[in-house]
């Protein structure tokens, strides 16, 4: 199923998905916040909550919802759902890092979405602190964190936790690169993005709408955030099936 924000044939599907996701999120928030429940169940509910809140954001975008509505859903994810999950993880960090480690693509995506939401440093700090809970460090994360206003005093990182997926994105972020080489690298990243996501250990990238209920919409938010944060002209990327051009435009206007 090809996802298109302008594809009227799929709008009804995405609107239905939005409604179903809202119900699931509400149920898992209740479980997450039930202090009488077991800790492991609460952490799992927190994990489902932030995953589904991302899915809600992506489904809203795919449905053609107004951008303020999409951005509001993203802020629920970035400023509430994910930081609350990590706050639970801090109660038993060894358990949480063993059970919920990995997720490198999520962390890259959430930082990218914070850039696209134009969140100021004071507002996006809980997300950055949540990312820092995990022991891994990544050069792309650090570039996005610097773009979010928190570059000072952080350790220099040149390596990638997932180089096969993100090496072209890091090249696109290189301040020493030319406009042409950075655009070429960003286009290479965008063209190979979904293929790399599908070889990950996480089954979040099926394009069959009835096969998998964990990921809705194939939008490469990382590419749009890199274009925005690092001044790359995205004209030739705008018609790419995975490029969220409407969100990039909204971010430029705000």
Protein backbone atom coordinates (compact mmCIF):
# COMPACT_ATOMS: atom_id res chain seq x y z
CA UNK A 1 0.00 0.00 0.00
CA UNK A 2 1.57 3.25 -1.09
CA UNK A 3 0.88 6.01 1.38
CA UNK A 4 0.13 9.45 0.03
CA UNK A 5 -1.03 12.46 1.97
CA UNK A 6 -2.89 13.54 -1.16
CA UNK A 7 -4.35 10.15 -2.04
CA UNK A 8 -8.09 10.47 -1.48
CA UNK A 9 -8.57 6.71 -1.92
CA UNK A 10 -6.78 6.04 1.38
CA UNK A 11 -8.20 8.87 3.48
CA UNK A 12 -11.08 6.81 4.89
CA UNK A 13 -8.64 4.07 5.90
CA UNK A 14 -6.40 6.52 7.76
CA UNK A 15 -9.28 8.27 9.48
CA UNK A 16 -10.43 4.88 10.79
CA UNK A 17 -6.88 4.13 11.92
CA UNK A 18 -6.74 7.41 13.83
CA UNK A 19 -9.92 6.55 15.75
CA UNK A 20 -8.67 3.05 16.63
CA UNK A 21 -5.30 4.36 17.74
CA UNK A 22 -6.88 6.93 20.06
CA UNK A 23 -8.79 4.14 21.83
CA UNK A 24 -5.69 1.98 22.21
CA UNK A 25 -3.63 4.89 23.52
CA UNK A 26 -6.22 5.75 26.16
CA UNK A 27 -6.31 2.14 27.39
CA UNK A 28 -2.53 1.90 27.64
CA UNK A 29 -2.20 5.27 29.37
CA UNK A 30 -4.55 3.96 32.05
CA UNK A 31 -2.42 0.84 32.51
CA UNK A 32 0.81 2.82 32.49
CA UNK A 33 -0.41 5.20 35.18
CA UNK A 34 -1.95 2.52 37.43
CA UNK A 35 0.55 2.57 40.31
CA UNK A 36 -1.09 -0.55 41.80
CA UNK A 37 -0.20 -2.62 38.75
CA UNK A 38 3.04 -4.57 38.34
CA UNK A 39 6.06 -2.55 37.27
CA UNK A 40 6.83 -4.67 34.21
CA UNK A 41 3.24 -4.31 32.97
CA UNK A 42 3.34 -0.55 33.48
CA UNK A 43 6.59 -0.24 31.54
CA UNK A 44 5.17 -2.34 28.73
CA UNK A 45 2.06 -0.16 28.66
CA UNK A 46 4.32 2.91 28.52
CA UNK A 47 6.18 1.40 25.59
CA UNK A 48 2.97 0.67 23.71
CA UNK A 49 1.71 4.18 24.49
CA UNK A 50 4.65 5.98 22.91
CA UNK A 51 4.74 3.64 19.90
CA UNK A 52 1.05 4.14 19.27
CA UNK A 53 1.31 7.89 19.77
CA UNK A 54 3.90 7.95 17.00
CA UNK A 55 1.56 5.84 14.87
CA UNK A 56 -1.23 8.31 15.58
CA UNK A 57 0.94 11.21 14.42
CA UNK A 58 1.87 9.40 11.23
CA UNK A 59 -1.74 8.31 10.58
CA UNK A 60 -2.97 11.87 11.04
CA UNK A 61 -0.39 13.07 8.54
CA UNK A 62 -1.37 10.30 6.10
CA UNK A 63 -5.06 11.19 6.48
CA UNK A 64 -4.40 14.76 5.34
CA UNK A 65 -5.23 16.25 8.75
CA UNK A 66 -4.34 19.94 9.24
CA UNK A 67 -0.72 20.39 10.23
CA UNK A 68 -1.48 21.95 13.66
CA UNK A 69 -3.34 18.72 14.53
CA UNK A 70 -0.42 16.59 13.33
CA UNK A 71 2.09 18.71 15.29
CA UNK A 72 -0.07 18.53 18.43
CA UNK A 73 -0.01 14.72 18.24
CA UNK A 74 3.76 14.77 17.74
CA UNK A 75 4.14 16.96 20.82
CA UNK A 76 2.12 14.43 22.85
CA UNK A 77 4.69 11.85 21.81
CA UNK A 78 7.83 13.93 22.27
CA UNK A 79 6.95 15.86 25.42
CA UNK A 80 4.75 13.38 27.26
CA UNK A 81 4.49 9.77 26.08
CA UNK A 82 8.17 9.06 25.46
CA UNK A 83 9.60 10.99 28.46
CA UNK A 84 7.03 9.30 30.74
CA UNK A 85 8.10 5.91 29.44
CA UNK A 86 11.75 6.70 30.15
CA UNK A 87 10.81 8.02 33.60
CA UNK A 88 9.38 4.58 34.34
CA UNK A 89 12.55 2.97 32.98
CA UNK A 90 14.64 5.02 35.40
CA UNK A 91 12.97 3.20 38.31
CA UNK A 92 14.72 -0.01 37.23
CA UNK A 93 17.36 1.00 34.68
CA UNK A 94 19.10 -2.35 34.32
CA UNK A 95 15.82 -4.12 33.66
CA UNK A 96 14.64 -1.44 31.25
CA UNK A 97 17.87 -1.31 29.27
CA UNK A 98 17.85 -5.08 28.95
CA UNK A 99 14.19 -5.35 27.98
CA UNK A 100 13.79 -2.17 25.94
CA UNK A 101 17.25 -1.41 24.56
CA UNK A 102 17.73 -0.92 20.84
CA UNK A 103 15.14 1.24 19.17
CA UNK A 104 17.81 3.33 17.48
CA UNK A 105 15.46 4.20 14.62
CA UNK A 106 12.88 5.49 17.10
CA UNK A 107 15.36 7.81 18.77
CA UNK A 108 16.54 9.18 15.42
CA UNK A 109 12.95 9.70 14.31
CA UNK A 110 11.83 11.42 17.51
CA UNK A 111 14.68 13.90 17.43
CA UNK A 112 13.87 14.60 13.79
CA UNK A 113 10.22 15.18 14.64
CA UNK A 114 11.25 17.63 17.38
CA UNK A 115 13.16 19.60 14.75
CA UNK A 116 10.10 19.59 12.48
CA UNK A 117 7.87 20.70 15.37
CA UNK A 118 10.16 23.69 15.92
CA UNK A 119 10.32 22.97 19.64
CA UNK A 120 12.49 25.53 21.49
CA UNK A 121 15.33 24.25 23.73
CA UNK A 122 13.49 24.63 27.04
CA UNK A 123 10.53 22.69 25.67
CA UNK A 124 12.45 19.90 23.94
CA UNK A 125 14.84 19.27 26.84
CA UNK A 126 12.75 16.39 28.33
CA UNK A 127 13.07 14.53 25.03
CA UNK A 128 16.85 15.04 24.89
CA UNK A 129 17.17 13.86 28.50
CA UNK A 130 15.07 10.80 27.68
CA UNK A 131 17.34 9.96 24.73
CA UNK A 132 20.36 10.33 27.03
CA UNK A 133 19.01 7.65 29.38
CA UNK A 134 20.11 4.98 26.94
CA UNK A 135 23.84 4.14 26.92
CA UNK A 136 24.44 4.35 23.16
CA UNK A 137 25.67 7.52 21.52
CA UNK A 138 25.24 8.37 17.86
CA UNK A 139 26.58 11.10 15.58
CA UNK A 140 23.23 11.74 13.87
CA UNK A 141 21.49 12.10 17.23
CA UNK A 142 24.11 14.63 18.29
CA UNK A 143 23.64 16.66 15.12
CA UNK A 144 19.89 16.81 15.71
CA UNK A 145 20.40 17.58 19.41
CA UNK A 146 22.67 20.48 18.45
CA UNK A 147 20.00 21.70 16.01
CA UNK A 148 17.55 21.61 18.93
CA UNK A 149 19.80 23.98 20.88
CA UNK A 150 21.74 21.60 23.13
CA UNK A 151 25.06 21.18 21.40
CA UNK A 152 27.26 22.95 23.95
CA UNK A 153 29.19 20.78 26.35
CA UNK A 154 28.17 17.45 24.87
CA UNK A 155 30.80 14.82 24.03
CA UNK A 156 31.95 14.63 20.44
CA UNK A 157 30.57 11.55 18.70
CA UNK A 158 31.59 10.47 15.21
CA UNK A 159 30.23 6.91 15.08
CA UNK A 160 26.78 5.61 14.18
CA UNK A 161 24.89 2.85 15.97
CA UNK A 162 23.34 1.84 12.64
CA UNK A 163 25.73 2.92 9.88
CA UNK A 164 24.05 0.85 7.17
CA UNK A 165 20.91 2.96 7.55
CA UNK A 166 22.21 6.36 8.56
CA UNK A 167 25.65 6.91 6.98
CA UNK A 168 24.18 8.92 4.05
CA UNK A 169 22.11 11.02 6.47
CA UNK A 170 25.22 11.88 8.47
CA UNK A 171 26.99 12.87 5.25
CA UNK A 172 24.08 15.15 4.39
CA UNK A 173 24.53 16.86 7.76
CA UNK A 174 28.25 17.53 7.18
CA UNK A 175 28.82 21.30 7.43
CA UNK A 176 31.98 20.93 5.34
CA UNK A 177 30.08 19.39 2.44
CA UNK A 178 28.92 21.32 -0.59
CA UNK A 179 25.25 21.94 -1.29
CA UNK A 180 25.45 19.42 -4.12
CA UNK A 181 27.14 16.65 -2.13
CA UNK A 182 24.82 17.09 0.85
CA UNK A 183 21.73 16.99 -1.37
CA UNK A 184 23.03 13.88 -3.13
CA UNK A 185 23.64 12.20 0.23
CA UNK A 186 20.17 13.12 1.48
CA UNK A 187 18.59 11.75 -1.68
CA UNK A 188 20.59 8.52 -1.30
CA UNK A 189 19.40 8.21 2.30
CA UNK A 190 15.78 8.81 1.35
CA UNK A 191 15.88 6.29 -1.50
CA UNK A 192 17.33 3.56 0.72
CA UNK A 193 15.55 4.44 3.97
CA UNK A 194 12.58 2.05 3.87
CA UNK A 195 14.70 -0.88 2.65
CA UNK A 196 17.06 -0.41 5.61
CA UNK A 197 14.18 -0.07 8.06
CA UNK A 198 12.70 -3.33 6.82
CA UNK A 199 15.89 -5.27 7.54
CA UNK A 200 15.87 -4.08 11.15
CA UNK A 201 14.87 -6.38 14.00
CA UNK A 202 11.68 -4.39 14.50
CA UNK A 203 8.67 -5.41 12.37
CA UNK A 204 7.34 -1.87 12.03
CA UNK A 205 7.60 -1.36 8.28
CA UNK A 206 5.15 -3.63 6.51
CA UNK A 207 3.36 -2.00 3.59
CA UNK A 208 0.41 -4.38 3.82
CA UNK A 209 -2.26 -2.58 5.79
CA UNK A 210 -3.84 -5.75 7.21
CA UNK A 211 -0.59 -7.56 8.01
CA UNK A 212 0.82 -5.35 10.70
CA UNK A 213 -0.82 -2.92 13.08
CA UNK A 214 2.26 -1.37 14.64
CA UNK A 215 3.35 1.14 12.01
CA UNK A 216 1.13 3.36 9.89
CA UNK A 217 2.59 5.46 7.14
CA UNK A 218 5.96 5.44 5.49
CA UNK A 219 7.23 8.95 6.13
CA UNK A 220 10.93 9.65 6.39
CA UNK A 221 10.76 12.48 8.90
CA UNK A 222 14.55 12.32 9.32
CA UNK A 223 15.14 13.49 5.74
CA UNK A 224 12.83 16.49 6.09
CA UNK A 225 14.37 17.45 9.44
CA UNK A 226 17.88 17.30 7.98
CA UNK A 227 16.85 19.49 5.05
CA UNK A 228 15.31 21.99 7.44
CA UNK A 229 18.06 22.05 10.07
CA UNK A 230 20.99 22.11 7.68
CA UNK A 231 19.64 24.36 4.93
CA UNK A 232 19.38 21.78 2.15
CA UNK A 233 17.17 22.67 -0.81
CA UNK A 234 14.59 19.86 -0.90
CA UNK A 235 12.96 20.80 -4.22
CA UNK A 236 13.90 17.57 -5.99
CA UNK A 237 12.83 15.48 -2.98
CA UNK A 238 9.33 16.87 -2.61
CA UNK A 239 7.62 14.34 -4.87
CA UNK A 240 9.32 11.34 -3.28
CA UNK A 241 6.70 8.96 -1.87
CA UNK A 242 8.34 8.95 1.58
CA UNK A 243 9.16 12.65 1.90
CA UNK A 244 6.81 14.62 4.23
CA UNK A 245 6.89 17.84 2.20
CA UNK A 246 3.84 19.38 3.91
CA UNK A 247 5.49 19.09 7.31
CA UNK A 248 8.73 20.56 6.00
CA UNK A 249 6.76 23.50 4.61
CA UNK A 250 4.92 24.01 7.89
CA UNK A 251 8.21 24.01 9.79
CA UNK A 252 9.72 26.62 7.48
CA UNK A 253 6.74 28.89 8.07
CA UNK A 254 7.11 28.58 11.85
